[in-house]
Amino acid sequence: MADESNKLTLRRLEAPIHKFINVALPTDLERLQKHHNNILKYQRSKQWDRLHKEHINASRTVQV
């Protein structure tokens, strides 16, 4: 009986896990790549205020 309930729980979680892997992760990785590019751009152009804001935004992306 316990085995069957575990299988049902796993089946129920399978779709959200696949959605996370196929949608959320690529979206976050793309967002982090944009932050990285912006950070490099702001470093080269010595726009320190924007660089600081970009670091904060990148950190928020990782935390969420």
C-alpha atoms as a PDB file:
ATOM      1  CA  MET A   1       0.000   0.000   0.000  1.00  0.00           C
ATOM      2  CA  ALA A   2       2.804   2.424   0.860  1.00  0.00           C
ATOM      3  CA  ASP A   3       4.532   1.656  -2.437  1.00  0.00           C
ATOM      4  CA  GLU A   4       1.410   2.554  -4.396  1.00  0.00           C
ATOM      5  CA  SER A   5       0.961   5.867  -2.610  1.00  0.00           C
ATOM      6  CA  ASN A   6       4.625   6.740  -3.240  1.00  0.00           C
ATOM      7  CA  LYS A   7       4.190   5.966  -6.943  1.00  0.00           C
ATOM      8  CA  LEU A   8       1.104   8.162  -7.096  1.00  0.00           C
ATOM      9  CA  THR A   9       2.974  10.998  -5.395  1.00  0.00           C
ATOM     10  CA  LEU A  10       5.878  10.678  -7.814  1.00  0.00           C
ATOM     11  CA  ARG A  11       3.551  10.633 -10.823  1.00  0.00           C
ATOM     12  CA  ARG A  12       1.792  13.713  -9.530  1.00  0.00           C
ATOM     13  CA  LEU A  13       5.120  15.557  -9.197  1.00  0.00           C
ATOM     14  CA  GLU A  14       6.505  14.454 -12.546  1.00  0.00           C
ATOM     15  CA  ALA A  15       4.763  17.113 -14.684  1.00  0.00           C
ATOM     16  CA  PRO A  16       5.748  20.098 -12.496  1.00  0.00           C
ATOM     17  CA  ILE A  17       9.338  18.845 -12.357  1.00  0.00           C
ATOM     18  CA  HIS A  18       9.519  18.534 -16.143  1.00  0.00           C
ATOM     19  CA  LYS A  19       7.991  21.989 -16.541  1.00  0.00           C
ATOM     20  CA  PHE A  20      10.588  23.424 -14.166  1.00  0.00           C
ATOM     21  CA  ILE A  21      13.439  21.741 -16.046  1.00  0.00           C
ATOM     22  CA  ASN A  22      12.163  22.645 -19.514  1.00  0.00           C
ATOM     23  CA  VAL A  23      10.803  26.162 -18.878  1.00  0.00           C
ATOM     24  CA  ALA A  24      12.009  27.772 -15.665  1.00  0.00           C
ATOM     25  CA  LEU A  25      15.667  26.755 -15.795  1.00  0.00           C
ATOM     26  CA  PRO A  26      16.302  27.868 -19.392  1.00  0.00           C
ATOM     27  CA  THR A  27      14.509  31.151 -18.701  1.00  0.00           C
ATOM     28  CA  ASP A  28      16.614  31.849 -15.613  1.00  0.00           C
ATOM     29  CA  LEU A  29      19.833  30.872 -17.393  1.00  0.00           C
ATOM     30  CA  GLU A  30      19.000  33.230 -20.245  1.00  0.00           C
ATOM     31  CA  ARG A  31      18.261  36.015 -17.770  1.00  0.00           C
ATOM     32  CA  LEU A  32      21.571  35.396 -15.972  1.00  0.00           C
ATOM     33  CA  GLN A  33      23.440  35.502 -19.287  1.00  0.00           C
ATOM     34  CA  LYS A  34      21.895  38.913 -20.003  1.00  0.00           C
ATOM     35  CA  HIS A  35      22.929  40.125 -16.539  1.00  0.00           C
ATOM     36  CA  HIS A  36      26.451  38.847 -17.170  1.00  0.00           C
ATOM     37  CA  ASN A  37      26.662  40.670 -20.509  1.00  0.00           C
ATOM     38  CA  ASN A  38      25.365  43.872 -18.923  1.00  0.00           C
ATOM     39  CA  ILE A  39      27.854  43.597 -16.054  1.00  0.00           C
ATOM     40  CA  LEU A  40      30.735  43.289 -18.516  1.00  0.00           C
ATOM     41  CA  LYS A  41      29.411  46.199 -20.566  1.00  0.00           C
ATOM     42  CA  TYR A  42      29.055  48.449 -17.512  1.00  0.00           C
ATOM     43  CA  GLN A  43      32.537  47.518 -16.286  1.00  0.00           C
ATOM     44  CA  ARG A  44      34.084  48.407 -19.642  1.00  0.00           C
ATOM     45  CA  SER A  45      32.242  51.723 -19.812  1.00  0.00           C
ATOM     46  CA  LYS A  46      32.880  52.476 -16.107  1.00  0.00           C
ATOM     47  CA  GLN A  47      29.190  53.024 -15.364  1.00  0.00           C
ATOM     48  CA  TRP A  48      29.527  52.111 -11.704  1.00  0.00           C
ATOM     49  CA  ASP A  49      25.967  52.980 -10.641  1.00  0.00           C
ATOM     50  CA  ARG A  50      24.469  50.789 -13.349  1.00  0.00           C
ATOM     51  CA  LEU A  51      26.996  48.052 -12.577  1.00  0.00           C
ATOM     52  CA  HIS A  52      25.929  48.039  -8.940  1.00  0.00           C
ATOM     53  CA  LYS A  53      22.236  47.835  -9.896  1.00  0.00           C
ATOM     54  CA  GLU A  54      22.957  45.000 -12.319  1.00  0.00           C
ATOM     55  CA  HIS A  55      24.780  43.055  -9.610  1.00  0.00           C
ATOM     56  CA  ILE A  56      21.757  43.464  -7.332  1.00  0.00           C
ATOM     57  CA  ASN A  57      19.368  42.313 -10.065  1.00  0.00           C
ATOM     58  CA  ALA A  58      21.546  39.300 -10.887  1.00  0.00           C
ATOM     59  CA  SER A  59      21.621  38.347  -7.200  1.00  0.00           C
ATOM     60  CA  ARG A  60      17.846  38.558  -7.044  1.00  0.00           C
ATOM     61  CA  THR A  61      17.543  36.278 -10.057  1.00  0.00           C
ATOM     62  CA  VAL A  62      19.681  33.663  -8.328  1.00  0.00           C
ATOM     63  CA  GLN A  63      17.783  33.917  -5.031  1.00  0.00           C
ATOM     64  CA  VAL A  64      14.361  33.422  -6.545  1.00  0.00           C
END
